[in-house]
N, C-alpha and C. Protein backbone atom coordinates (compact mmCIF):
# COMPACT_ATOMS: atom_id res chain seq x y z
N MET A 1 33.84 -7.83 16.31
CA MET A 1 35.04 -8.20 15.58
C MET A 1 35.74 -9.36 16.30
N THR A 2 36.21 -10.33 15.53
CA THR A 2 36.87 -11.48 16.12
C THR A 2 38.35 -11.19 16.36
N LEU A 3 38.96 -12.02 17.21
CA LEU A 3 40.40 -11.89 17.46
C LEU A 3 41.20 -12.14 16.19
N HIS A 4 40.70 -13.00 15.35
CA HIS A 4 41.37 -13.26 14.07
C HIS A 4 41.41 -11.99 13.23
N ALA A 5 40.30 -11.26 13.20
CA ALA A 5 40.25 -10.01 12.45
C ALA A 5 41.19 -8.96 13.05
N LEU A 6 41.22 -8.87 14.38
CA LEU A 6 42.14 -7.93 15.02
C LEU A 6 43.59 -8.25 14.68
N ASN A 7 43.91 -9.53 14.66
CA ASN A 7 45.27 -9.93 14.33
C ASN A 7 45.63 -9.54 12.90
N ALA A 8 44.69 -9.73 11.98
CA ALA A 8 44.93 -9.35 10.59
C ALA A 8 45.14 -7.85 10.46
N LEU A 9 44.31 -7.07 11.15
CA LEU A 9 44.47 -5.62 11.10
C LEU A 9 45.82 -5.18 11.63
N SER A 10 46.27 -5.81 12.68
CA SER A 10 47.54 -5.41 13.31
C SER A 10 48.74 -5.68 12.42
N GLN A 11 48.56 -6.50 11.38
CA GLN A 11 49.67 -6.83 10.49
C GLN A 11 49.54 -6.19 9.10
N ALA A 12 48.43 -5.49 8.87
CA ALA A 12 48.17 -4.95 7.54
C ALA A 12 48.94 -3.66 7.30
N ASP A 13 49.32 -3.43 6.05
CA ASP A 13 49.84 -2.11 5.70
C ASP A 13 48.91 -1.39 4.73
N ALA A 14 47.79 -2.02 4.38
CA ALA A 14 46.73 -1.34 3.62
C ALA A 14 45.40 -1.95 4.06
N VAL A 15 44.44 -1.10 4.42
CA VAL A 15 43.12 -1.55 4.85
C VAL A 15 42.08 -0.90 3.95
N VAL A 16 41.42 -1.72 3.14
CA VAL A 16 40.35 -1.24 2.25
C VAL A 16 39.04 -1.53 2.98
N HIS A 17 38.37 -0.47 3.42
CA HIS A 17 37.26 -0.67 4.35
C HIS A 17 35.95 -0.11 3.82
N ASP A 18 34.87 -0.72 4.30
CA ASP A 18 33.53 -0.27 3.94
C ASP A 18 33.10 0.93 4.77
N ALA A 19 32.01 1.58 4.31
CA ALA A 19 31.50 2.77 5.00
C ALA A 19 30.91 2.43 6.36
N LEU A 20 30.47 1.18 6.55
CA LEU A 20 29.85 0.80 7.81
C LEU A 20 30.86 0.41 8.89
N VAL A 21 32.13 0.41 8.55
CA VAL A 21 33.15 0.08 9.54
C VAL A 21 33.36 1.28 10.46
N GLU A 22 33.28 1.03 11.76
CA GLU A 22 33.43 2.10 12.74
C GLU A 22 34.87 2.60 12.83
N PRO A 23 35.07 3.91 13.05
CA PRO A 23 36.43 4.44 13.22
C PRO A 23 37.19 3.73 14.33
N GLU A 24 36.48 3.31 15.38
CA GLU A 24 37.14 2.60 16.48
C GLU A 24 37.77 1.30 16.00
N ALA A 25 37.14 0.66 15.02
CA ALA A 25 37.71 -0.58 14.48
C ALA A 25 38.96 -0.29 13.67
N LEU A 26 38.96 0.79 12.92
CA LEU A 26 40.13 1.15 12.12
C LEU A 26 41.33 1.50 13.00
N ALA A 27 41.05 1.89 14.23
CA ALA A 27 42.15 2.24 15.14
C ALA A 27 43.02 1.03 15.47
N PHE A 28 42.53 -0.18 15.21
CA PHE A 28 43.31 -1.38 15.47
C PHE A 28 44.29 -1.69 14.35
N ALA A 29 44.23 -0.93 13.26
CA ALA A 29 45.16 -1.17 12.16
C ALA A 29 46.59 -0.86 12.59
N ALA A 30 47.53 -1.51 11.94
CA ALA A 30 48.95 -1.29 12.26
C ALA A 30 49.31 0.18 12.08
N GLU A 31 50.23 0.65 12.87
CA GLU A 31 50.69 2.04 12.76
C GLU A 31 51.26 2.27 11.37
N GLY A 32 50.79 3.33 10.73
CA GLY A 32 51.27 3.65 9.39
C GLY A 32 50.51 2.97 8.27
N ALA A 33 49.55 2.10 8.59
CA ALA A 33 48.78 1.43 7.55
C ALA A 33 47.95 2.45 6.76
N GLU A 34 47.87 2.25 5.46
CA GLU A 34 47.06 3.13 4.62
C GLU A 34 45.60 2.72 4.74
N LEU A 35 44.74 3.66 5.09
CA LEU A 35 43.31 3.39 5.23
C LEU A 35 42.59 3.89 3.98
N ILE A 36 41.97 2.97 3.26
CA ILE A 36 41.39 3.28 1.95
C ILE A 36 39.88 3.04 2.00
N PRO A 37 39.06 4.10 1.98
CA PRO A 37 37.61 3.91 2.00
C PRO A 37 37.10 3.34 0.69
N ALA A 38 36.21 2.38 0.78
CA ALA A 38 35.64 1.77 -0.42
C ALA A 38 34.19 1.38 -0.15
N GLY A 39 33.48 2.25 0.53
CA GLY A 39 32.11 1.93 0.92
C GLY A 39 31.13 2.11 -0.21
N LYS A 40 30.19 1.19 -0.31
CA LYS A 40 29.08 1.30 -1.26
C LYS A 40 27.82 1.55 -0.47
N ARG A 41 27.18 2.69 -0.70
CA ARG A 41 25.96 3.04 0.00
C ARG A 41 24.86 3.26 -1.02
N GLY A 42 23.73 2.60 -0.80
CA GLY A 42 22.63 2.67 -1.76
C GLY A 42 22.14 4.09 -1.99
N GLY A 43 22.04 4.48 -3.28
CA GLY A 43 21.51 5.79 -3.62
C GLY A 43 22.51 6.92 -3.49
N ARG A 44 23.76 6.60 -3.12
CA ARG A 44 24.77 7.65 -2.99
C ARG A 44 25.96 7.33 -3.89
N PRO A 45 26.75 8.35 -4.27
CA PRO A 45 27.94 8.06 -5.08
C PRO A 45 28.85 7.08 -4.34
N SER A 46 29.20 5.99 -5.02
CA SER A 46 30.00 4.94 -4.40
C SER A 46 30.94 4.34 -5.43
N PRO A 47 32.05 3.75 -4.97
CA PRO A 47 32.93 3.05 -5.91
C PRO A 47 32.20 1.87 -6.54
N LYS A 48 32.50 1.60 -7.79
CA LYS A 48 31.91 0.43 -8.45
C LYS A 48 32.60 -0.82 -7.93
N GLN A 49 31.84 -1.92 -7.89
CA GLN A 49 32.39 -3.16 -7.36
C GLN A 49 33.63 -3.60 -8.14
N ALA A 50 33.59 -3.47 -9.45
CA ALA A 50 34.75 -3.87 -10.26
C ALA A 50 35.98 -3.05 -9.89
N ASP A 51 35.78 -1.76 -9.60
CA ASP A 51 36.91 -0.91 -9.23
C ASP A 51 37.50 -1.33 -7.88
N ILE A 52 36.63 -1.71 -6.93
CA ILE A 52 37.11 -2.16 -5.63
C ILE A 52 37.96 -3.43 -5.80
N SER A 53 37.46 -4.36 -6.58
CA SER A 53 38.20 -5.61 -6.80
C SER A 53 39.54 -5.34 -7.47
N GLU A 54 39.55 -4.46 -8.45
CA GLU A 54 40.80 -4.13 -9.13
C GLU A 54 41.79 -3.46 -8.18
N ARG A 55 41.27 -2.64 -7.28
CA ARG A 55 42.15 -1.99 -6.30
C ARG A 55 42.80 -3.02 -5.39
N LEU A 56 42.03 -4.00 -4.96
CA LEU A 56 42.58 -5.06 -4.11
C LEU A 56 43.67 -5.82 -4.85
N ILE A 57 43.42 -6.13 -6.09
CA ILE A 57 44.41 -6.87 -6.90
C ILE A 57 45.68 -6.05 -7.06
N ALA A 58 45.53 -4.75 -7.38
CA ALA A 58 46.69 -3.89 -7.59
C ALA A 58 47.53 -3.75 -6.32
N LEU A 59 46.87 -3.58 -5.19
CA LEU A 59 47.60 -3.45 -3.93
C LEU A 59 48.38 -4.73 -3.61
N ALA A 60 47.74 -5.87 -3.82
CA ALA A 60 48.41 -7.14 -3.54
C ALA A 60 49.59 -7.35 -4.47
N ARG A 61 49.42 -7.02 -5.74
CA ARG A 61 50.51 -7.20 -6.70
C ARG A 61 51.67 -6.24 -6.45
N ALA A 62 51.37 -5.16 -5.73
CA ALA A 62 52.43 -4.21 -5.36
C ALA A 62 53.19 -4.67 -4.12
N GLY A 63 52.84 -5.84 -3.61
CA GLY A 63 53.53 -6.39 -2.46
C GLY A 63 52.98 -5.94 -1.12
N ARG A 64 51.81 -5.33 -1.13
CA ARG A 64 51.21 -4.86 0.12
C ARG A 64 50.50 -6.01 0.83
N ARG A 65 50.48 -5.95 2.15
CA ARG A 65 49.66 -6.89 2.93
C ARG A 65 48.33 -6.20 3.16
N VAL A 66 47.29 -6.70 2.54
CA VAL A 66 46.01 -5.99 2.44
C VAL A 66 44.95 -6.67 3.29
N VAL A 67 44.19 -5.86 4.01
CA VAL A 67 42.99 -6.34 4.68
C VAL A 67 41.79 -5.66 4.01
N ARG A 68 40.84 -6.46 3.57
CA ARG A 68 39.57 -5.94 3.06
C ARG A 68 38.60 -6.04 4.22
N LEU A 69 38.30 -4.92 4.85
CA LEU A 69 37.52 -4.91 6.08
C LEU A 69 36.07 -4.53 5.77
N LYS A 70 35.17 -5.46 6.08
CA LYS A 70 33.76 -5.25 5.83
C LYS A 70 32.99 -5.41 7.13
N GLY A 71 31.83 -4.77 7.23
CA GLY A 71 30.99 -4.94 8.40
C GLY A 71 30.26 -6.28 8.35
N GLY A 72 30.02 -6.86 9.51
CA GLY A 72 29.28 -8.13 9.55
C GLY A 72 30.10 -9.28 9.01
N ASP A 73 29.45 -10.15 8.23
CA ASP A 73 30.14 -11.27 7.60
C ASP A 73 30.21 -11.01 6.10
N PRO A 74 31.41 -11.05 5.52
CA PRO A 74 31.54 -10.66 4.11
C PRO A 74 30.84 -11.59 3.13
N PHE A 75 30.48 -12.79 3.59
CA PHE A 75 29.85 -13.74 2.67
C PHE A 75 28.33 -13.78 2.82
N LEU A 76 27.77 -12.91 3.61
CA LEU A 76 26.31 -12.86 3.75
C LEU A 76 25.83 -11.48 3.30
N PHE A 77 25.36 -11.40 2.05
CA PHE A 77 24.92 -10.14 1.44
C PHE A 77 26.00 -9.07 1.53
N GLY A 78 27.26 -9.48 1.43
CA GLY A 78 28.35 -8.52 1.62
C GLY A 78 29.32 -8.41 0.46
N ARG A 79 29.06 -9.02 -0.67
CA ARG A 79 29.90 -8.99 -1.86
C ARG A 79 31.27 -9.66 -1.66
N GLY A 80 31.44 -10.31 -0.53
CA GLY A 80 32.70 -10.98 -0.29
C GLY A 80 32.98 -12.07 -1.31
N GLY A 81 31.94 -12.78 -1.71
CA GLY A 81 32.12 -13.84 -2.71
C GLY A 81 32.60 -13.30 -4.04
N GLU A 82 32.06 -12.14 -4.45
CA GLU A 82 32.47 -11.55 -5.72
C GLU A 82 33.94 -11.14 -5.68
N GLU A 83 34.35 -10.55 -4.56
CA GLU A 83 35.73 -10.10 -4.45
C GLU A 83 36.69 -11.29 -4.37
N ALA A 84 36.28 -12.34 -3.66
CA ALA A 84 37.11 -13.53 -3.59
C ALA A 84 37.29 -14.17 -4.97
N GLU A 85 36.21 -14.20 -5.76
CA GLU A 85 36.31 -14.75 -7.11
C GLU A 85 37.26 -13.93 -7.97
N ALA A 86 37.21 -12.60 -7.82
CA ALA A 86 38.09 -11.74 -8.61
C ALA A 86 39.55 -11.96 -8.23
N LEU A 87 39.82 -12.09 -6.93
CA LEU A 87 41.19 -12.34 -6.48
C LEU A 87 41.69 -13.69 -6.98
N ALA A 88 40.84 -14.70 -6.90
CA ALA A 88 41.23 -16.04 -7.35
C ALA A 88 41.53 -16.03 -8.85
N ALA A 89 40.68 -15.33 -9.62
CA ALA A 89 40.88 -15.27 -11.07
C ALA A 89 42.18 -14.56 -11.42
N ALA A 90 42.60 -13.62 -10.56
CA ALA A 90 43.83 -12.87 -10.81
C ALA A 90 45.05 -13.57 -10.23
N GLY A 91 44.85 -14.72 -9.58
CA GLY A 91 45.97 -15.45 -9.02
C GLY A 91 46.53 -14.84 -7.75
N VAL A 92 45.70 -14.07 -7.05
CA VAL A 92 46.13 -13.42 -5.81
C VAL A 92 45.75 -14.31 -4.63
N PRO A 93 46.71 -14.75 -3.82
CA PRO A 93 46.36 -15.58 -2.66
C PRO A 93 45.67 -14.75 -1.59
N PHE A 94 44.72 -15.35 -0.91
CA PHE A 94 43.99 -14.62 0.13
C PHE A 94 43.47 -15.60 1.16
N ARG A 95 43.06 -15.07 2.29
CA ARG A 95 42.49 -15.87 3.37
C ARG A 95 41.20 -15.21 3.82
N ILE A 96 40.18 -16.00 4.08
CA ILE A 96 38.89 -15.48 4.53
C ILE A 96 38.86 -15.48 6.06
N VAL A 97 38.52 -14.34 6.63
CA VAL A 97 38.32 -14.24 8.07
C VAL A 97 36.81 -14.10 8.31
N PRO A 98 36.18 -15.12 8.88
CA PRO A 98 34.72 -15.04 9.09
C PRO A 98 34.35 -13.86 9.99
N GLY A 99 33.19 -13.29 9.70
CA GLY A 99 32.69 -12.18 10.51
C GLY A 99 31.45 -12.58 11.29
N ILE A 100 30.88 -11.62 11.97
CA ILE A 100 29.66 -11.83 12.75
C ILE A 100 28.54 -11.06 12.07
N THR A 101 27.63 -11.77 11.45
CA THR A 101 26.60 -11.10 10.66
C THR A 101 25.62 -10.33 11.54
N ALA A 102 25.11 -9.22 11.00
CA ALA A 102 24.17 -8.38 11.73
C ALA A 102 22.87 -9.11 12.04
N GLY A 103 22.51 -10.09 11.20
CA GLY A 103 21.27 -10.82 11.43
C GLY A 103 21.30 -11.65 12.69
N ILE A 104 22.48 -11.94 13.20
CA ILE A 104 22.65 -12.64 14.47
C ILE A 104 23.15 -11.68 15.54
N GLY A 105 24.31 -11.06 15.29
CA GLY A 105 24.92 -10.18 16.28
C GLY A 105 24.13 -8.91 16.53
N GLY A 106 23.50 -8.37 15.48
CA GLY A 106 22.72 -7.15 15.65
C GLY A 106 21.48 -7.38 16.49
N LEU A 107 20.83 -8.52 16.26
CA LEU A 107 19.67 -8.84 17.09
C LEU A 107 20.10 -9.10 18.52
N ALA A 108 21.21 -9.80 18.72
CA ALA A 108 21.68 -10.07 20.07
C ALA A 108 22.00 -8.78 20.81
N ALA A 109 22.56 -7.80 20.10
CA ALA A 109 22.87 -6.51 20.73
C ALA A 109 21.60 -5.81 21.19
N ALA A 110 20.48 -6.11 20.54
CA ALA A 110 19.20 -5.51 20.93
C ALA A 110 18.46 -6.38 21.94
N GLY A 111 19.10 -7.46 22.39
CA GLY A 111 18.46 -8.33 23.37
C GLY A 111 17.49 -9.32 22.77
N VAL A 112 17.69 -9.66 21.50
CA VAL A 112 16.76 -10.56 20.81
C VAL A 112 17.48 -11.83 20.39
N PRO A 113 17.08 -12.99 20.93
CA PRO A 113 17.63 -14.25 20.42
C PRO A 113 17.04 -14.54 19.04
N ALA A 114 17.88 -14.82 18.07
CA ALA A 114 17.38 -15.11 16.72
C ALA A 114 16.56 -16.39 16.70
N THR A 115 16.87 -17.31 17.61
CA THR A 115 16.05 -18.51 17.77
C THR A 115 15.78 -18.74 19.25
N HIS A 116 14.64 -19.33 19.52
CA HIS A 116 14.25 -19.65 20.89
C HIS A 116 13.37 -20.90 20.80
N ARG A 117 13.63 -21.88 21.65
CA ARG A 117 12.90 -23.15 21.54
C ARG A 117 11.40 -22.99 21.62
N ASP A 118 10.94 -22.00 22.37
CA ASP A 118 9.50 -21.81 22.53
C ASP A 118 8.88 -20.98 21.40
N VAL A 119 9.70 -20.46 20.51
CA VAL A 119 9.20 -19.50 19.52
C VAL A 119 9.35 -19.99 18.09
N ASN A 120 10.56 -20.37 17.69
CA ASN A 120 10.76 -20.69 16.27
C ASN A 120 11.76 -21.81 16.05
N GLN A 121 11.48 -22.56 15.00
CA GLN A 121 12.37 -23.63 14.55
C GLN A 121 12.96 -23.32 13.17
N THR A 122 12.58 -22.20 12.60
CA THR A 122 13.16 -21.77 11.33
C THR A 122 13.58 -20.31 11.44
N LEU A 123 14.62 -19.97 10.69
CA LEU A 123 15.14 -18.61 10.62
C LEU A 123 15.58 -18.37 9.19
N VAL A 124 15.05 -17.34 8.57
CA VAL A 124 15.32 -17.07 7.16
C VAL A 124 16.02 -15.72 7.02
N PHE A 125 17.15 -15.69 6.33
CA PHE A 125 17.83 -14.45 5.98
C PHE A 125 17.45 -14.09 4.54
N VAL A 126 17.09 -12.85 4.31
CA VAL A 126 16.69 -12.42 2.97
C VAL A 126 17.13 -10.98 2.76
N THR A 127 17.51 -10.65 1.55
CA THR A 127 17.89 -9.27 1.23
C THR A 127 16.66 -8.47 0.83
N GLY A 128 16.65 -7.20 1.21
CA GLY A 128 15.53 -6.33 0.89
C GLY A 128 15.69 -5.56 -0.40
N HIS A 129 16.83 -5.73 -1.08
CA HIS A 129 16.95 -5.14 -2.42
C HIS A 129 17.94 -5.95 -3.26
N ASP A 130 17.82 -5.81 -4.57
CA ASP A 130 18.70 -6.56 -5.46
C ASP A 130 19.96 -5.75 -5.76
N GLN A 131 20.77 -6.23 -6.70
CA GLN A 131 22.05 -5.57 -6.99
C GLN A 131 21.89 -4.19 -7.60
N HIS A 132 20.67 -3.87 -8.03
CA HIS A 132 20.40 -2.54 -8.60
C HIS A 132 19.68 -1.62 -7.61
N GLY A 133 19.47 -2.10 -6.39
CA GLY A 133 18.78 -1.29 -5.40
C GLY A 133 17.27 -1.37 -5.48
N GLU A 134 16.77 -2.22 -6.38
CA GLU A 134 15.32 -2.37 -6.53
C GLU A 134 14.80 -3.49 -5.63
N ALA A 135 13.47 -3.58 -5.51
CA ALA A 135 12.87 -4.65 -4.73
C ALA A 135 13.28 -5.99 -5.33
N PRO A 136 13.72 -6.94 -4.50
CA PRO A 136 14.20 -8.22 -5.04
C PRO A 136 13.08 -9.10 -5.55
N ALA A 137 13.43 -9.99 -6.47
CA ALA A 137 12.45 -10.94 -7.00
C ALA A 137 12.35 -12.12 -6.03
N VAL A 138 11.74 -11.85 -4.89
CA VAL A 138 11.60 -12.85 -3.83
C VAL A 138 10.15 -13.29 -3.74
N ASP A 139 9.94 -14.57 -3.52
CA ASP A 139 8.58 -15.09 -3.33
C ASP A 139 8.18 -14.84 -1.88
N TRP A 140 7.68 -13.64 -1.61
CA TRP A 140 7.34 -13.26 -0.25
C TRP A 140 6.19 -14.10 0.30
N ALA A 141 5.29 -14.55 -0.57
CA ALA A 141 4.19 -15.38 -0.11
C ALA A 141 4.72 -16.71 0.44
N ALA A 142 5.73 -17.28 -0.25
CA ALA A 142 6.32 -18.52 0.22
C ALA A 142 7.04 -18.30 1.55
N LEU A 143 7.74 -17.18 1.68
CA LEU A 143 8.41 -16.88 2.94
C LEU A 143 7.41 -16.63 4.05
N ALA A 144 6.30 -15.99 3.71
CA ALA A 144 5.26 -15.74 4.71
C ALA A 144 4.74 -17.05 5.28
N ARG A 145 4.66 -18.07 4.42
CA ARG A 145 4.15 -19.36 4.88
C ARG A 145 5.23 -20.19 5.56
N GLY A 146 6.46 -20.10 5.07
CA GLY A 146 7.48 -21.06 5.49
C GLY A 146 8.51 -20.58 6.48
N GLY A 147 8.61 -19.28 6.72
CA GLY A 147 9.62 -18.79 7.63
C GLY A 147 9.01 -18.20 8.89
N GLN A 148 9.22 -18.85 10.03
CA GLN A 148 8.63 -18.32 11.27
C GLN A 148 9.22 -16.96 11.61
N VAL A 149 10.55 -16.83 11.50
CA VAL A 149 11.22 -15.55 11.74
C VAL A 149 12.02 -15.19 10.50
N LEU A 150 11.79 -13.99 9.99
CA LEU A 150 12.51 -13.48 8.83
C LEU A 150 13.43 -12.35 9.26
N VAL A 151 14.67 -12.41 8.84
CA VAL A 151 15.61 -11.32 9.09
C VAL A 151 15.96 -10.71 7.74
N ILE A 152 15.59 -9.45 7.58
CA ILE A 152 15.70 -8.78 6.28
C ILE A 152 16.84 -7.76 6.33
N TYR A 153 17.80 -7.94 5.45
CA TYR A 153 18.93 -7.03 5.32
C TYR A 153 18.59 -5.97 4.26
N MET A 154 19.02 -4.75 4.49
CA MET A 154 18.92 -3.69 3.47
C MET A 154 17.49 -3.55 2.93
N GLY A 155 16.52 -3.59 3.85
CA GLY A 155 15.14 -3.56 3.41
C GLY A 155 14.38 -2.30 3.74
N MET A 156 15.04 -1.30 4.30
CA MET A 156 14.31 -0.11 4.74
C MET A 156 13.65 0.64 3.58
N LYS A 157 14.32 0.70 2.44
CA LYS A 157 13.78 1.43 1.29
C LYS A 157 12.47 0.81 0.80
N HIS A 158 12.36 -0.50 0.89
CA HIS A 158 11.19 -1.20 0.37
C HIS A 158 10.34 -1.80 1.49
N LEU A 159 10.45 -1.25 2.70
CA LEU A 159 9.75 -1.83 3.84
C LEU A 159 8.24 -1.90 3.63
N ALA A 160 7.64 -0.84 3.13
CA ALA A 160 6.19 -0.84 2.94
C ALA A 160 5.76 -1.94 1.98
N ALA A 161 6.50 -2.09 0.88
CA ALA A 161 6.14 -3.11 -0.11
C ALA A 161 6.35 -4.51 0.46
N ILE A 162 7.44 -4.70 1.22
CA ILE A 162 7.71 -6.01 1.81
C ILE A 162 6.64 -6.37 2.82
N ALA A 163 6.29 -5.43 3.68
CA ALA A 163 5.25 -5.68 4.68
C ALA A 163 3.93 -6.03 4.02
N GLY A 164 3.58 -5.28 2.97
CA GLY A 164 2.34 -5.56 2.25
C GLY A 164 2.34 -6.93 1.61
N ALA A 165 3.50 -7.32 1.05
CA ALA A 165 3.59 -8.63 0.40
C ALA A 165 3.48 -9.77 1.42
N LEU A 166 4.06 -9.58 2.60
CA LEU A 166 3.97 -10.61 3.63
C LEU A 166 2.54 -10.76 4.15
N VAL A 167 1.84 -9.64 4.31
CA VAL A 167 0.44 -9.70 4.74
C VAL A 167 -0.41 -10.37 3.66
N ALA A 168 -0.14 -9.99 2.40
CA ALA A 168 -0.88 -10.61 1.30
C ALA A 168 -0.61 -12.11 1.22
N GLY A 169 0.60 -12.50 1.69
CA GLY A 169 0.97 -13.91 1.67
C GLY A 169 0.45 -14.70 2.85
N GLY A 170 -0.24 -14.03 3.77
CA GLY A 170 -0.86 -14.75 4.86
C GLY A 170 -0.40 -14.38 6.26
N ARG A 171 0.62 -13.51 6.39
CA ARG A 171 1.03 -13.11 7.74
C ARG A 171 0.02 -12.12 8.31
N SER A 172 -0.15 -12.16 9.61
CA SER A 172 -1.08 -11.25 10.26
C SER A 172 -0.56 -9.82 10.20
N PRO A 173 -1.44 -8.83 9.98
CA PRO A 173 -1.00 -7.44 10.05
C PRO A 173 -0.41 -7.09 11.42
N GLU A 174 -0.77 -7.88 12.45
CA GLU A 174 -0.26 -7.64 13.80
C GLU A 174 1.05 -8.36 14.07
N GLU A 175 1.60 -9.02 13.06
CA GLU A 175 2.87 -9.73 13.23
C GLU A 175 3.94 -8.78 13.74
N PRO A 176 4.64 -9.14 14.81
CA PRO A 176 5.67 -8.23 15.35
C PRO A 176 6.79 -7.96 14.35
N VAL A 177 7.24 -6.72 14.34
CA VAL A 177 8.40 -6.29 13.55
C VAL A 177 9.34 -5.55 14.48
N LEU A 178 10.60 -5.93 14.46
CA LEU A 178 11.61 -5.26 15.26
C LEU A 178 12.72 -4.77 14.34
N ILE A 179 13.04 -3.50 14.44
CA ILE A 179 14.06 -2.90 13.58
C ILE A 179 15.21 -2.42 14.45
N VAL A 180 16.41 -2.83 14.10
CA VAL A 180 17.61 -2.43 14.83
C VAL A 180 18.48 -1.61 13.90
N ARG A 181 18.68 -0.37 14.25
CA ARG A 181 19.53 0.52 13.45
C ARG A 181 20.94 0.55 14.02
N GLU A 182 21.93 0.45 13.13
CA GLU A 182 23.35 0.58 13.47
C GLU A 182 23.70 -0.19 14.74
N ALA A 183 23.36 -1.45 14.74
CA ALA A 183 23.56 -2.30 15.91
C ALA A 183 25.00 -2.31 16.38
N THR A 184 25.18 -2.36 17.67
CA THR A 184 26.46 -2.44 18.40
C THR A 184 27.24 -1.12 18.41
N THR A 185 26.73 -0.07 17.77
CA THR A 185 27.41 1.22 17.79
C THR A 185 26.75 2.13 18.83
N LYS A 186 27.35 3.29 19.04
CA LYS A 186 26.78 4.27 19.97
C LYS A 186 25.45 4.81 19.45
N ARG A 187 25.19 4.63 18.17
CA ARG A 187 23.97 5.16 17.55
C ARG A 187 22.87 4.10 17.46
N GLN A 188 23.08 2.96 18.08
CA GLN A 188 22.07 1.90 18.00
C GLN A 188 20.71 2.39 18.50
N ALA A 189 19.69 2.02 17.75
CA ALA A 189 18.31 2.33 18.14
C ALA A 189 17.44 1.15 17.77
N VAL A 190 16.41 0.90 18.57
CA VAL A 190 15.52 -0.24 18.34
C VAL A 190 14.08 0.26 18.27
N LEU A 191 13.38 -0.20 17.26
CA LEU A 191 11.96 0.16 17.08
C LEU A 191 11.14 -1.12 17.04
N GLU A 192 10.11 -1.19 17.87
CA GLU A 192 9.20 -2.33 17.87
C GLU A 192 7.85 -1.89 17.32
N THR A 193 7.36 -2.60 16.32
CA THR A 193 6.10 -2.24 15.68
C THR A 193 5.46 -3.53 15.15
N ASN A 194 4.63 -3.42 14.11
CA ASN A 194 4.06 -4.61 13.48
C ASN A 194 3.99 -4.37 11.97
N LEU A 195 3.60 -5.39 11.22
CA LEU A 195 3.60 -5.26 9.77
C LEU A 195 2.68 -4.14 9.30
N ALA A 196 1.50 -4.03 9.89
CA ALA A 196 0.55 -3.01 9.45
C ALA A 196 1.05 -1.60 9.73
N GLY A 197 1.76 -1.43 10.84
CA GLY A 197 2.17 -0.08 11.23
C GLY A 197 3.62 0.24 10.99
N ALA A 198 4.35 -0.67 10.33
CA ALA A 198 5.80 -0.50 10.21
C ALA A 198 6.18 0.79 9.47
N GLU A 199 5.54 1.03 8.33
CA GLU A 199 5.91 2.21 7.54
C GLU A 199 5.70 3.49 8.33
N ALA A 200 4.54 3.63 8.97
CA ALA A 200 4.24 4.84 9.74
C ALA A 200 5.14 4.95 10.96
N ALA A 201 5.45 3.82 11.60
CA ALA A 201 6.30 3.86 12.79
C ALA A 201 7.71 4.30 12.44
N VAL A 202 8.22 3.82 11.32
CA VAL A 202 9.56 4.23 10.88
C VAL A 202 9.59 5.72 10.57
N ALA A 203 8.57 6.19 9.87
CA ALA A 203 8.51 7.62 9.53
C ALA A 203 8.45 8.48 10.79
N ALA A 204 7.68 8.04 11.78
CA ALA A 204 7.53 8.82 13.02
C ALA A 204 8.80 8.79 13.86
N SER A 205 9.51 7.66 13.82
CA SER A 205 10.70 7.51 14.67
C SER A 205 11.94 8.18 14.08
N GLY A 206 11.95 8.31 12.76
CA GLY A 206 13.14 8.87 12.11
C GLY A 206 14.26 7.88 11.91
N ILE A 207 14.01 6.61 12.21
CA ILE A 207 15.04 5.59 12.02
C ILE A 207 15.35 5.44 10.54
N LEU A 208 16.64 5.44 10.22
CA LEU A 208 17.09 5.32 8.85
C LEU A 208 18.01 4.11 8.70
N ALA A 209 18.28 3.76 7.46
CA ALA A 209 19.27 2.71 7.20
C ALA A 209 20.66 3.23 7.62
N PRO A 210 21.56 2.31 7.94
CA PRO A 210 21.48 0.86 7.86
C PRO A 210 20.74 0.27 9.05
N ALA A 211 19.93 -0.72 8.76
CA ALA A 211 19.15 -1.34 9.82
C ALA A 211 18.78 -2.76 9.42
N ILE A 212 18.59 -3.59 10.43
CA ILE A 212 18.11 -4.96 10.25
C ILE A 212 16.62 -4.98 10.62
N ILE A 213 15.83 -5.66 9.81
CA ILE A 213 14.40 -5.79 10.07
C ILE A 213 14.11 -7.25 10.43
N CYS A 214 13.52 -7.46 11.57
CA CYS A 214 13.18 -8.82 12.00
C CYS A 214 11.66 -8.94 12.09
N VAL A 215 11.12 -9.92 11.37
CA VAL A 215 9.68 -10.14 11.35
C VAL A 215 9.39 -11.50 11.96
N GLY A 216 8.51 -11.53 12.95
CA GLY A 216 8.15 -12.81 13.54
C GLY A 216 8.01 -12.73 15.04
N PRO A 217 7.64 -13.84 15.66
CA PRO A 217 7.32 -13.85 17.09
C PRO A 217 8.57 -13.94 17.97
N VAL A 218 9.52 -13.04 17.74
CA VAL A 218 10.73 -13.05 18.55
C VAL A 218 10.44 -12.41 19.92
N ARG A 219 11.31 -12.70 20.87
CA ARG A 219 11.16 -12.17 22.20
C ARG A 219 12.34 -11.25 22.51
N ARG A 220 12.06 -10.01 22.83
CA ARG A 220 13.12 -9.11 23.23
C ARG A 220 13.31 -9.24 24.74
N LEU A 221 14.49 -9.64 25.15
CA LEU A 221 14.77 -9.86 26.55
C LEU A 221 15.10 -8.55 27.23
N PRO A 222 14.87 -8.43 28.53
CA PRO A 222 15.25 -7.20 29.24
C PRO A 222 16.77 -7.09 29.35
N VAL A 223 17.33 -6.06 28.72
CA VAL A 223 18.78 -5.85 28.76
C VAL A 223 19.08 -4.41 29.17
């Protein structure tokens, strides 16, 4: 979390937060601030996006100082753009506080540089599911050819299919895969495997979402 975000929390009287936000982060909210959960979790009962946006608008129009607190960076696979558009359409003034995306910060927490001069000159961020929770319409063969390191968000549900598509697109079955679960929290766990063995390794380890999947010749440093 950035100092800018901490400052915003300290002045808020309503905090609409995602399910991935740690309780320790909410403790920085101003005393007496209303904490409003609005987490969307795949495959589980969750608030609809339209309802979340309407709640933000209603709170602001009621004169509340509102913080919409999301994990990572709200503009990278985080629906922040949709909520900002809704606020703008409703004439609600707002300010964007940049976050630290899991594709960078989560890997760093696991001791993995997202880029390294000796390893990669390209880095691709891609989502592992679409807005309906299904496998995305992504040209995995093109990514297999063009992206030295791929960082896949929300891809655990479709990991087997993604791994198979990358191999079919030309990546080696032995291509390293590193999975970081709940990065930067007390529950952080790291699994190192490869494309051919990823599905079985995940099943054996018990690692569940939320997790970042990194595919490519990254180097995990001793930490």
